[in-house]
Amino acid sequence: MSIFLGIDGGGSKTSCLVGDEHSVLGSSVAAGSNVVRVGETYAKEALAHAIRQACGVAKITPSEINRTCIGVAGAARPGVSNLVRRMIAEMVSGEIEVVGDMVIALESAFGAGPGVIVIAGTGSIAYGRNSKGETARAGGWGFAVSDEGSGHWIGRSAVSAALRARDQDEGQNVRLFESILKFWHFETHEQMVLAANATPLPPDFAALFPIVLSAAESGDAVALGVLTQAGSELAGLAKIVVRRISREDEAIPVAMSGGVFGNCAQVREAFYDRLHSDCSGIILNTTVVEPVRGALELARRGKR
């Protein structure tokens, strides 16, 4: 019996599955392990914890693993993929394949078939493949210039929208504004502005996503507007990829992945509405897929 390991090394969490040729034997979740976002030390700790825990559930040791596939953002950059491969090699035996997070998500959603996956977690990206094997991507170019509709984008947009709402009526009680102040432990909007514009490292805007979600669920119009726009932005990424890879005689299936989609009905609904409005001939999978399952399948399949 061969043992396989699949890992989704995300910015906010690390998911891990251990399996044999047919079954999942163990699973685990740990802190984020995206080296670009959390750094090598924290990434290594999270990966080690996730692997140990999953192997413990499976009642195996890491030295029994025959092949591993890990999906991470930025894997196309040799510096990132080589670093991740080296870290994993210190923890497990066997072959190691490092691929982009969109590759494992696409595999989880569609296997080797055609489709478009839209990921909205800490960052965002749309990635697709048609029946000829031609691929295209949109977005995913980093927090400063891209990642539309992601957790980071939502947090940053929420701060901007809350400040704008306050500017429009300084006396009004904007629930979102007050919630962000409380979360950041600030008393004035000046403190918020200084923190939001901090250099060289800005605050963790993605950490504000639950705050925005809570405000929206309480009826805050500013928060609802941010989440609706996030869904529309993500649909825009999907639209770009669909149009680049689709053929006249081919209906393209579209699926979602990531914590933003998984936790927010408002984003999902806005995504559905704009996508159906802008793109004919798509088949929308309303289930939010788990990329780590794609990583396990790629580990089983071996290097392509």
C-alpha atoms as a PDB file:
ATOM      1  CA  MET A   1       0.000   0.000   0.000  1.00  0.00           C
ATOM      2  CA  SER A   2       1.295   3.457  -0.947  1.00  0.00           C
ATOM      3  CA  ILE A   3       0.710   6.486   1.266  1.00  0.00           C
ATOM      4  CA  PHE A   4       0.021   9.931  -0.170  1.00  0.00           C
ATOM      5  CA  LEU A   5      -0.060  13.414   1.353  1.00  0.00           C
ATOM      6  CA  GLY A   6      -1.999  16.408   0.032  1.00  0.00           C
ATOM      7  CA  ILE A   7      -1.516  19.900   1.475  1.00  0.00           C
ATOM      8  CA  ASP A   8      -3.250  23.212   0.844  1.00  0.00           C
ATOM      9  CA  GLY A   9      -0.838  25.823   2.197  1.00  0.00           C
ATOM     10  CA  GLY A  10      -3.088  28.869   2.432  1.00  0.00           C
ATOM     11  CA  GLY A  11      -2.482  32.291   3.886  1.00  0.00           C
ATOM     12  CA  SER A  12      -4.873  31.875   6.805  1.00  0.00           C
ATOM     13  CA  LYS A  13      -4.927  28.094   7.260  1.00  0.00           C
ATOM     14  CA  THR A  14      -3.150  24.909   6.224  1.00  0.00           C
ATOM     15  CA  SER A  15      -5.252  21.859   5.344  1.00  0.00           C
ATOM     16  CA  CYS A  16      -3.719  18.397   5.140  1.00  0.00           C
ATOM     17  CA  LEU A  17      -4.994  14.980   4.005  1.00  0.00           C
ATOM     18  CA  VAL A  18      -3.229  11.621   4.264  1.00  0.00           C
ATOM     19  CA  GLY A  19      -4.572   8.775   2.155  1.00  0.00           C
ATOM     20  CA  ASP A  20      -3.875   5.538   0.366  1.00  0.00           C
ATOM     21  CA  GLU A  21      -4.847   4.780  -3.231  1.00  0.00           C
ATOM     22  CA  HIS A  22      -8.575   4.930  -2.479  1.00  0.00           C
ATOM     23  CA  SER A  23      -9.316   6.329   0.980  1.00  0.00           C
ATOM     24  CA  VAL A  24      -8.591   9.299   3.226  1.00  0.00           C
ATOM     25  CA  LEU A  25      -6.820   8.035   6.325  1.00  0.00           C
ATOM     26  CA  GLY A  26      -6.290  11.246   8.263  1.00  0.00           C
ATOM     27  CA  SER A  27      -6.818  14.998   8.102  1.00  0.00           C
ATOM     28  CA  SER A  28      -5.766  18.130   9.946  1.00  0.00           C
ATOM     29  CA  VAL A  29      -5.962  21.907   9.912  1.00  0.00           C
ATOM     30  CA  ALA A  30      -3.275  24.286  11.153  1.00  0.00           C
ATOM     31  CA  ALA A  31      -2.342  27.957  10.908  1.00  0.00           C
ATOM     32  CA  GLY A  32      -1.460  29.576   7.588  1.00  0.00           C
ATOM     33  CA  SER A  33       1.704  28.401   5.824  1.00  0.00           C
ATOM     34  CA  ASN A  34       1.984  30.710   2.817  1.00  0.00           C
ATOM     35  CA  VAL A  35       5.662  31.661   3.059  1.00  0.00           C
ATOM     36  CA  VAL A  36       5.128  34.946   1.217  1.00  0.00           C
ATOM     37  CA  ARG A  37       2.551  36.023   3.764  1.00  0.00           C
ATOM     38  CA  VAL A  38       3.690  34.524   7.085  1.00  0.00           C
ATOM     39  CA  GLY A  39       7.429  33.995   6.522  1.00  0.00           C
ATOM     40  CA  GLU A  40       9.550  30.859   6.557  1.00  0.00           C
ATOM     41  CA  THR A  41       9.567  30.276  10.318  1.00  0.00           C
ATOM     42  CA  TYR A  42       5.804  30.390  10.829  1.00  0.00           C
ATOM     43  CA  ALA A  43       5.146  28.503   7.594  1.00  0.00           C
ATOM     44  CA  LYS A  44       7.472  25.703   8.661  1.00  0.00           C
ATOM     45  CA  GLU A  45       5.833  25.444  12.077  1.00  0.00           C
ATOM     46  CA  ALA A  46       2.341  25.287  10.586  1.00  0.00           C
ATOM     47  CA  LEU A  47       3.311  22.663   8.015  1.00  0.00           C
ATOM     48  CA  ALA A  48       5.049  20.507  10.612  1.00  0.00           C
ATOM     49  CA  HIS A  49       2.035  20.682  12.921  1.00  0.00           C
ATOM     50  CA  ALA A  50      -0.436  19.848  10.135  1.00  0.00           C
ATOM     51  CA  ILE A  51       1.634  16.892   8.874  1.00  0.00           C
ATOM     52  CA  ARG A  52       2.228  15.443  12.348  1.00  0.00           C
ATOM     53  CA  GLN A  53      -1.434  15.739  13.249  1.00  0.00           C
ATOM     54  CA  ALA A  54      -2.735  14.178  10.011  1.00  0.00           C
ATOM     55  CA  CYS A  55      -0.201  11.344  10.220  1.00  0.00           C
ATOM     56  CA  GLY A  56      -1.179  10.743  13.837  1.00  0.00           C
ATOM     57  CA  VAL A  57      -4.837  10.377  12.883  1.00  0.00           C
ATOM     58  CA  ALA A  58      -3.825   8.027  10.053  1.00  0.00           C
ATOM     59  CA  LYS A  59      -1.631   6.043  12.457  1.00  0.00           C
ATOM     60  CA  ILE A  60       1.430   6.342  10.252  1.00  0.00           C
ATOM     61  CA  THR A  61       4.741   8.180  10.469  1.00  0.00           C
ATOM     62  CA  PRO A  62       5.838  10.889   7.994  1.00  0.00           C
ATOM     63  CA  SER A  63       8.639   8.562   6.854  1.00  0.00           C
ATOM     64  CA  GLU A  64       5.987   6.206   5.396  1.00  0.00           C
ATOM     65  CA  ILE A  65       4.708   8.796   2.912  1.00  0.00           C
ATOM     66  CA  ASN A  66       5.520   7.917  -0.692  1.00  0.00           C
ATOM     67  CA  ARG A  67       4.456  11.077  -2.497  1.00  0.00           C
ATOM     68  CA  THR A  68       3.344  14.580  -1.485  1.00  0.00           C
ATOM     69  CA  CYS A  69       1.643  17.366  -3.410  1.00  0.00           C
ATOM     70  CA  ILE A  70       1.332  20.825  -1.879  1.00  0.00           C
ATOM     71  CA  GLY A  71      -0.507  23.767  -3.396  1.00  0.00           C
ATOM     72  CA  VAL A  72       0.629  27.284  -2.476  1.00  0.00           C
ATOM     73  CA  ALA A  73       0.160  30.760  -3.877  1.00  0.00           C
ATOM     74  CA  GLY A  74       3.253  31.949  -5.716  1.00  0.00           C
ATOM     75  CA  ALA A  75       4.460  28.446  -6.621  1.00  0.00           C
ATOM     76  CA  ALA A  76       5.342  29.616 -10.137  1.00  0.00           C
ATOM     77  CA  ARG A  77       8.228  31.573  -8.618  1.00  0.00           C
ATOM     78  CA  PRO A  78      11.270  29.277  -8.236  1.00  0.00           C
ATOM     79  CA  GLY A  79      12.283  30.944  -4.990  1.00  0.00           C
ATOM     80  CA  VAL A  80       8.933  30.082  -3.406  1.00  0.00           C
ATOM     81  CA  SER A  81       8.602  26.547  -4.805  1.00  0.00           C
ATOM     82  CA  ASN A  82      12.188  25.600  -3.928  1.00  0.00           C
ATOM     83  CA  LEU A  83      11.813  26.891  -0.377  1.00  0.00           C
ATOM     84  CA  VAL A  84       8.539  25.027   0.157  1.00  0.00           C
ATOM     85  CA  ARG A  85       9.965  21.820  -1.322  1.00  0.00           C
ATOM     86  CA  ARG A  86      12.992  22.042   0.965  1.00  0.00           C
ATOM     87  CA  MET A  87      10.821  22.552   4.057  1.00  0.00           C
ATOM     88  CA  ILE A  88       8.557  19.613   3.193  1.00  0.00           C
ATOM     89  CA  ALA A  89      11.579  17.395   2.451  1.00  0.00           C
ATOM     90  CA  GLU A  90      12.733  17.910   6.034  1.00  0.00           C
ATOM     91  CA  MET A  91       9.403  16.518   7.295  1.00  0.00           C
ATOM     92  CA  VAL A  92       8.387  13.638   4.989  1.00  0.00           C
ATOM     93  CA  SER A  93       9.844  10.967   2.737  1.00  0.00           C
ATOM     94  CA  GLY A  94       9.186  10.338  -0.941  1.00  0.00           C
ATOM     95  CA  GLU A  95       8.557  12.544  -3.970  1.00  0.00           C
ATOM     96  CA  ILE A  96       7.384  16.138  -3.474  1.00  0.00           C
ATOM     97  CA  GLU A  97       5.473  18.221  -5.988  1.00  0.00           C
ATOM     98  CA  VAL A  98       4.832  21.954  -5.416  1.00  0.00           C
ATOM     99  CA  VAL A  99       2.076  23.524  -7.526  1.00  0.00           C
ATOM    100  CA  GLY A 100      -0.038  26.670  -7.455  1.00  0.00           C
ATOM    101  CA  ASP A 101      -3.045  26.840  -5.165  1.00  0.00           C
ATOM    102  CA  MET A 102      -5.278  27.271  -8.217  1.00  0.00           C
ATOM    103  CA  VAL A 103      -3.983  23.974  -9.660  1.00  0.00           C
ATOM    104  CA  ILE A 104      -5.128  21.911  -6.677  1.00  0.00           C
ATOM    105  CA  ALA A 105      -8.435  23.812  -6.521  1.00  0.00           C
ATOM    106  CA  LEU A 106      -9.115  23.136 -10.216  1.00  0.00           C
ATOM    107  CA  GLU A 107      -8.273  19.457  -9.686  1.00  0.00           C
ATOM    108  CA  SER A 108     -10.614  19.273  -6.704  1.00  0.00           C
ATOM    109  CA  ALA A 109     -13.474  20.822  -8.657  1.00  0.00           C
ATOM    110  CA  PHE A 110     -13.107  19.189 -12.078  1.00  0.00           C
ATOM    111  CA  GLY A 111     -10.395  16.532 -12.014  1.00  0.00           C
ATOM    112  CA  ALA A 112      -8.638  16.530 -15.380  1.00  0.00           C
ATOM    113  CA  GLY A 113     -11.679  18.003 -17.121  1.00  0.00           C
ATOM    114  CA  PRO A 114     -12.494  21.552 -18.236  1.00  0.00           C
ATOM    115  CA  GLY A 115     -13.722  24.268 -15.905  1.00  0.00           C
ATOM    116  CA  VAL A 116     -12.990  27.553 -14.160  1.00  0.00           C
ATOM    117  CA  ILE A 117     -12.211  27.800 -10.464  1.00  0.00           C
ATOM    118  CA  VAL A 118     -12.453  31.116  -8.606  1.00  0.00           C
ATOM    119  CA  ILE A 119     -10.575  31.234  -5.313  1.00  0.00           C
ATOM    120  CA  ALA A 120     -11.377  33.862  -2.699  1.00  0.00           C
ATOM    121  CA  GLY A 121      -9.460  33.419   0.519  1.00  0.00           C
ATOM    122  CA  THR A 122      -6.808  35.721   1.920  1.00  0.00           C
ATOM    123  CA  GLY A 123      -6.031  36.457  -1.748  1.00  0.00           C
ATOM    124  CA  SER A 124      -7.975  35.718  -4.929  1.00  0.00           C
ATOM    125  CA  ILE A 125      -7.492  34.329  -8.428  1.00  0.00           C
ATOM    126  CA  ALA A 126      -9.506  32.783 -11.275  1.00  0.00           C
ATOM    127  CA  TYR A 127      -8.010  29.911 -13.231  1.00  0.00           C
ATOM    128  CA  GLY A 128      -9.459  27.711 -15.945  1.00  0.00           C
ATOM    129  CA  ARG A 129      -8.871  25.006 -18.512  1.00  0.00           C
ATOM    130  CA  ASN A 130     -10.879  24.015 -21.591  1.00  0.00           C
ATOM    131  CA  SER A 131     -11.337  20.594 -23.210  1.00  0.00           C
ATOM    132  CA  LYS A 132      -8.185  21.142 -25.305  1.00  0.00           C
ATOM    133  CA  GLY A 133      -6.100  21.633 -22.175  1.00  0.00           C
ATOM    134  CA  GLU A 134      -5.607  25.362 -22.814  1.00  0.00           C
ATOM    135  CA  THR A 135      -5.431  27.375 -19.602  1.00  0.00           C
ATOM    136  CA  ALA A 136      -5.901  30.995 -18.551  1.00  0.00           C
ATOM    137  CA  ARG A 137      -5.831  32.972 -15.332  1.00  0.00           C
ATOM    138  CA  ALA A 138      -6.997  36.363 -14.081  1.00  0.00           C
ATOM    139  CA  GLY A 139      -6.081  38.217 -10.909  1.00  0.00           C
ATOM    140  CA  GLY A 140      -3.876  36.904  -8.157  1.00  0.00           C
ATOM    141  CA  TRP A 141      -1.191  39.526  -8.679  1.00  0.00           C
ATOM    142  CA  GLY A 142      -0.779  40.435  -5.003  1.00  0.00           C
ATOM    143  CA  PHE A 143      -2.478  42.559  -2.349  1.00  0.00           C
ATOM    144  CA  ALA A 144      -1.163  45.913  -3.493  1.00  0.00           C
ATOM    145  CA  VAL A 145      -2.413  45.765  -7.084  1.00  0.00           C
ATOM    146  CA  SER A 146      -4.874  42.860  -7.364  1.00  0.00           C
ATOM    147  CA  ASP A 147      -6.591  40.083  -5.332  1.00  0.00           C
ATOM    148  CA  GLU A 148     -10.023  41.578  -5.995  1.00  0.00           C
ATOM    149  CA  GLY A 149     -12.785  40.261  -3.760  1.00  0.00           C
ATOM    150  CA  SER A 150     -10.369  38.514  -1.394  1.00  0.00           C
ATOM    151  CA  GLY A 151     -10.354  38.696   2.383  1.00  0.00           C
ATOM    152  CA  HIS A 152      -7.601  41.299   2.205  1.00  0.00           C
ATOM    153  CA  TRP A 153      -9.517  43.314  -0.408  1.00  0.00           C
ATOM    154  CA  ILE A 154     -12.691  43.177   1.685  1.00  0.00           C
ATOM    155  CA  GLY A 155     -10.908  44.376   4.824  1.00  0.00           C
ATOM    156  CA  ARG A 156      -9.141  47.227   3.046  1.00  0.00           C
ATOM    157  CA  SER A 157     -12.313  48.233   1.196  1.00  0.00           C
ATOM    158  CA  ALA A 158     -14.275  48.148   4.451  1.00  0.00           C
ATOM    159  CA  VAL A 159     -11.899  50.607   6.105  1.00  0.00           C
ATOM    160  CA  SER A 160     -12.097  52.885   3.080  1.00  0.00           C
ATOM    161  CA  ALA A 161     -15.904  52.678   2.890  1.00  0.00           C
ATOM    162  CA  ALA A 162     -16.335  53.219   6.632  1.00  0.00           C
ATOM    163  CA  LEU A 163     -14.152  56.331   6.542  1.00  0.00           C
ATOM    164  CA  ARG A 164     -16.024  57.621   3.493  1.00  0.00           C
ATOM    165  CA  ALA A 165     -19.359  57.093   5.236  1.00  0.00           C
ATOM    166  CA  ARG A 166     -18.068  59.002   8.229  1.00  0.00           C
ATOM    167  CA  ASP A 167     -16.888  61.848   5.976  1.00  0.00           C
ATOM    168  CA  GLN A 168     -20.334  62.096   4.418  1.00  0.00           C
ATOM    169  CA  ASP A 169     -22.018  62.464   7.786  1.00  0.00           C
ATOM    170  CA  GLU A 170     -19.599  62.902  10.660  1.00  0.00           C
ATOM    171  CA  GLY A 171     -22.383  62.534  13.182  1.00  0.00           C
ATOM    172  CA  GLN A 172     -23.845  59.288  11.918  1.00  0.00           C
ATOM    173  CA  ASN A 173     -23.233  56.050  13.743  1.00  0.00           C
ATOM    174  CA  VAL A 174     -21.712  53.732  11.159  1.00  0.00           C
ATOM    175  CA  ARG A 175     -21.728  50.264  12.718  1.00  0.00           C
ATOM    176  CA  LEU A 176     -18.867  49.068  10.543  1.00  0.00           C
ATOM    177  CA  PHE A 177     -16.704  52.062  11.487  1.00  0.00           C
ATOM    178  CA  GLU A 178     -17.261  51.447  15.196  1.00  0.00           C
ATOM    179  CA  SER A 179     -16.618  47.719  14.821  1.00  0.00           C
ATOM    180  CA  ILE A 180     -13.267  48.285  13.106  1.00  0.00           C
ATOM    181  CA  LEU A 181     -12.208  50.794  15.763  1.00  0.00           C
ATOM    182  CA  LYS A 182     -13.055  48.266  18.474  1.00  0.00           C
ATOM    183  CA  PHE A 183     -11.291  45.388  16.704  1.00  0.00           C
ATOM    184  CA  TRP A 184      -8.114  47.434  16.269  1.00  0.00           C
ATOM    185  CA  HIS A 185      -8.371  48.786  19.837  1.00  0.00           C
ATOM    186  CA  PHE A 186      -8.510  52.408  18.683  1.00  0.00           C
ATOM    187  CA  GLU A 187     -10.522  55.342  19.987  1.00  0.00           C
ATOM    188  CA  THR A 188     -10.349  57.827  17.105  1.00  0.00           C
ATOM    189  CA  HIS A 189     -10.552  57.783  13.341  1.00  0.00           C
ATOM    190  CA  GLU A 190      -7.104  59.408  13.222  1.00  0.00           C
ATOM    191  CA  GLN A 191      -5.640  56.279  14.819  1.00  0.00           C
ATOM    192  CA  MET A 192      -7.447  54.144  12.247  1.00  0.00           C
ATOM    193  CA  VAL A 193      -6.072  56.210   9.376  1.00  0.00           C
ATOM    194  CA  LEU A 194      -2.503  55.990  10.676  1.00  0.00           C
ATOM    195  CA  ALA A 195      -2.751  52.214  11.093  1.00  0.00           C
ATOM    196  CA  ALA A 196      -4.317  51.674   7.661  1.00  0.00           C
ATOM    197  CA  ASN A 197      -1.523  53.631   5.987  1.00  0.00           C
ATOM    198  CA  ALA A 198       1.327  52.161   8.031  1.00  0.00           C
ATOM    199  CA  THR A 199       4.554  51.467   6.152  1.00  0.00           C
ATOM    200  CA  PRO A 200       6.444  49.402   5.248  1.00  0.00           C
ATOM    201  CA  LEU A 201       3.942  46.781   6.454  1.00  0.00           C
ATOM    202  CA  PRO A 202       0.203  47.586   6.420  1.00  0.00           C
ATOM    203  CA  PRO A 203      -2.130  45.947   8.953  1.00  0.00           C
ATOM    204  CA  ASP A 204      -3.673  42.516   8.406  1.00  0.00           C
ATOM    205  CA  PHE A 205      -6.720  43.692   6.479  1.00  0.00           C
ATOM    206  CA  ALA A 206      -7.853  40.094   5.909  1.00  0.00           C
ATOM    207  CA  ALA A 207      -8.389  39.756   9.656  1.00  0.00           C
ATOM    208  CA  LEU A 208     -11.233  42.282   9.318  1.00  0.00           C
ATOM    209  CA  PHE A 209     -13.317  39.926   7.162  1.00  0.00           C
ATOM    210  CA  PRO A 210     -15.277  38.446  10.123  1.00  0.00           C
ATOM    211  CA  ILE A 211     -15.933  41.991  11.373  1.00  0.00           C
ATOM    212  CA  VAL A 212     -17.347  43.032   7.988  1.00  0.00           C
ATOM    213  CA  LEU A 213     -19.424  39.854   7.818  1.00  0.00           C
ATOM    214  CA  SER A 214     -20.859  40.435  11.296  1.00  0.00           C
ATOM    215  CA  ALA A 215     -21.730  44.048  10.497  1.00  0.00           C
ATOM    216  CA  ALA A 216     -23.454  42.975   7.267  1.00  0.00           C
ATOM    217  CA  GLU A 217     -25.467  40.329   9.110  1.00  0.00           C
ATOM    218  CA  SER A 218     -26.616  43.086  11.480  1.00  0.00           C
ATOM    219  CA  GLY A 219     -27.877  45.126   8.544  1.00  0.00           C
ATOM    220  CA  ASP A 220     -25.033  47.618   8.133  1.00  0.00           C
ATOM    221  CA  ALA A 221     -25.462  49.065   4.629  1.00  0.00           C
ATOM    222  CA  VAL A 222     -21.781  49.953   4.246  1.00  0.00           C
ATOM    223  CA  ALA A 223     -20.651  46.395   5.009  1.00  0.00           C
ATOM    224  CA  LEU A 224     -23.320  44.941   2.725  1.00  0.00           C
ATOM    225  CA  GLY A 225     -22.110  47.176  -0.076  1.00  0.00           C
ATOM    226  CA  VAL A 226     -18.504  46.004   0.343  1.00  0.00           C
ATOM    227  CA  LEU A 227     -19.490  42.317   0.251  1.00  0.00           C
ATOM    228  CA  THR A 228     -21.735  42.803  -2.773  1.00  0.00           C
ATOM    229  CA  GLN A 229     -18.911  44.527  -4.624  1.00  0.00           C
ATOM    230  CA  ALA A 230     -16.536  41.700  -3.648  1.00  0.00           C
ATOM    231  CA  GLY A 231     -18.840  39.161  -5.282  1.00  0.00           C
ATOM    232  CA  SER A 232     -19.083  41.298  -8.394  1.00  0.00           C
ATOM    233  CA  GLU A 233     -15.286  41.653  -8.600  1.00  0.00           C
ATOM    234  CA  LEU A 234     -14.830  37.885  -8.320  1.00  0.00           C
ATOM    235  CA  ALA A 235     -17.399  37.320 -11.058  1.00  0.00           C
ATOM    236  CA  GLY A 236     -15.424  39.746 -13.191  1.00  0.00           C
ATOM    237  CA  LEU A 237     -12.316  37.573 -12.804  1.00  0.00           C
ATOM    238  CA  ALA A 238     -14.296  34.474 -13.755  1.00  0.00           C
ATOM    239  CA  LYS A 239     -15.732  36.254 -16.788  1.00  0.00           C
ATOM    240  CA  ILE A 240     -12.244  37.062 -18.096  1.00  0.00           C
ATOM    241  CA  VAL A 241     -11.134  33.438 -17.879  1.00  0.00           C
ATOM    242  CA  VAL A 242     -14.372  32.020 -19.304  1.00  0.00           C
ATOM    243  CA  ARG A 243     -14.108  34.266 -22.354  1.00  0.00           C
ATOM    244  CA  ARG A 244     -10.442  33.401 -22.907  1.00  0.00           C
ATOM    245  CA  ILE A 245     -10.862  29.629 -22.863  1.00  0.00           C
ATOM    246  CA  SER A 246     -14.453  28.979 -23.974  1.00  0.00           C
ATOM    247  CA  ARG A 247     -15.443  27.751 -27.406  1.00  0.00           C
ATOM    248  CA  GLU A 248     -18.813  28.231 -29.087  1.00  0.00           C
ATOM    249  CA  ASP A 249     -19.769  24.576 -28.686  1.00  0.00           C
ATOM    250  CA  GLU A 250     -18.555  24.181 -25.108  1.00  0.00           C
ATOM    251  CA  ALA A 251     -20.368  25.035 -21.871  1.00  0.00           C
ATOM    252  CA  ILE A 252     -17.844  25.962 -19.203  1.00  0.00           C
ATOM    253  CA  PRO A 253     -18.491  24.854 -15.609  1.00  0.00           C
ATOM    254  CA  VAL A 254     -17.506  27.334 -12.881  1.00  0.00           C
ATOM    255  CA  ALA A 255     -16.799  26.523  -9.227  1.00  0.00           C
ATOM    256  CA  MET A 256     -15.816  28.440  -6.101  1.00  0.00           C
ATOM    257  CA  SER A 257     -13.219  27.867  -3.419  1.00  0.00           C
ATOM    258  CA  GLY A 258     -11.933  29.673  -0.340  1.00  0.00           C
ATOM    259  CA  GLY A 259     -13.108  31.051   2.970  1.00  0.00           C
ATOM    260  CA  VAL A 260     -14.737  34.195   1.574  1.00  0.00           C
ATOM    261  CA  PHE A 261     -17.114  32.118  -0.547  1.00  0.00           C
ATOM    262  CA  GLY A 262     -17.521  29.491   2.155  1.00  0.00           C
ATOM    263  CA  ASN A 263     -18.485  31.930   4.903  1.00  0.00           C
ATOM    264  CA  CYS A 264     -20.429  34.643   3.113  1.00  0.00           C
ATOM    265  CA  ALA A 265     -23.754  34.095   1.336  1.00  0.00           C
ATOM    266  CA  GLN A 266     -23.795  37.762   0.290  1.00  0.00           C
ATOM    267  CA  VAL A 267     -20.598  37.324  -1.742  1.00  0.00           C
ATOM    268  CA  ARG A 268     -21.846  34.083  -3.273  1.00  0.00           C
ATOM    269  CA  GLU A 269     -25.164  35.614  -4.313  1.00  0.00           C
ATOM    270  CA  ALA A 270     -23.534  38.686  -5.861  1.00  0.00           C
ATOM    271  CA  PHE A 271     -21.113  36.368  -7.664  1.00  0.00           C
ATOM    272  CA  TYR A 272     -23.980  34.252  -9.037  1.00  0.00           C
ATOM    273  CA  ASP A 273     -26.004  37.279 -10.124  1.00  0.00           C
ATOM    274  CA  ARG A 274     -23.245  39.023 -12.047  1.00  0.00           C
ATOM    275  CA  LEU A 275     -21.881  35.850 -13.598  1.00  0.00           C
ATOM    276  CA  HIS A 276     -25.292  34.781 -14.894  1.00  0.00           C
ATOM    277  CA  SER A 277     -25.899  38.308 -16.156  1.00  0.00           C
ATOM    278  CA  ASP A 278     -22.570  38.626 -17.972  1.00  0.00           C
ATOM    279  CA  CYS A 279     -21.874  35.086 -19.193  1.00  0.00           C
ATOM    280  CA  SER A 280     -24.181  32.795 -21.084  1.00  0.00           C
ATOM    281  CA  GLY A 281     -23.365  29.113 -21.447  1.00  0.00           C
ATOM    282  CA  ILE A 282     -21.876  28.538 -18.003  1.00  0.00           C
ATOM    283  CA  ILE A 283     -22.726  25.797 -15.528  1.00  0.00           C
ATOM    284  CA  LEU A 284     -22.332  27.032 -11.949  1.00  0.00           C
ATOM    285  CA  ASN A 285     -21.368  24.567  -9.222  1.00  0.00           C
ATOM    286  CA  THR A 286     -22.819  26.053  -6.024  1.00  0.00           C
ATOM    287  CA  THR A 287     -20.704  23.826  -3.750  1.00  0.00           C
ATOM    288  CA  VAL A 288     -17.579  25.484  -2.328  1.00  0.00           C
ATOM    289  CA  VAL A 289     -14.812  22.997  -3.102  1.00  0.00           C
ATOM    290  CA  GLU A 290     -11.911  21.993  -0.836  1.00  0.00           C
ATOM    291  CA  PRO A 291      -8.563  22.378  -2.673  1.00  0.00           C
ATOM    292  CA  VAL A 292      -6.758  19.968  -0.363  1.00  0.00           C
ATOM    293  CA  ARG A 293      -8.690  17.098  -1.960  1.00  0.00           C
ATOM    294  CA  GLY A 294      -7.201  18.095  -5.284  1.00  0.00           C
ATOM    295  CA  ALA A 295      -3.730  18.052  -3.740  1.00  0.00           C
ATOM    296  CA  LEU A 296      -4.281  14.503  -2.524  1.00  0.00           C
ATOM    297  CA  GLU A 297      -5.498  13.400  -5.967  1.00  0.00           C
ATOM    298  CA  LEU A 298      -2.439  14.940  -7.645  1.00  0.00           C
ATOM    299  CA  ALA A 299      -0.188  13.181  -5.125  1.00  0.00           C
ATOM    300  CA  ARG A 300      -1.847   9.896  -6.041  1.00  0.00           C
ATOM    301  CA  ARG A 301      -1.493  10.576  -9.746  1.00  0.00           C
ATOM    302  CA  GLY A 302       2.158  11.580  -9.570  1.00  0.00           C
ATOM    303  CA  LYS A 303       3.962  14.241 -11.560  1.00  0.00           C
ATOM    304  CA  ARG A 304       2.248  15.033 -14.832  1.00  0.00           C
END
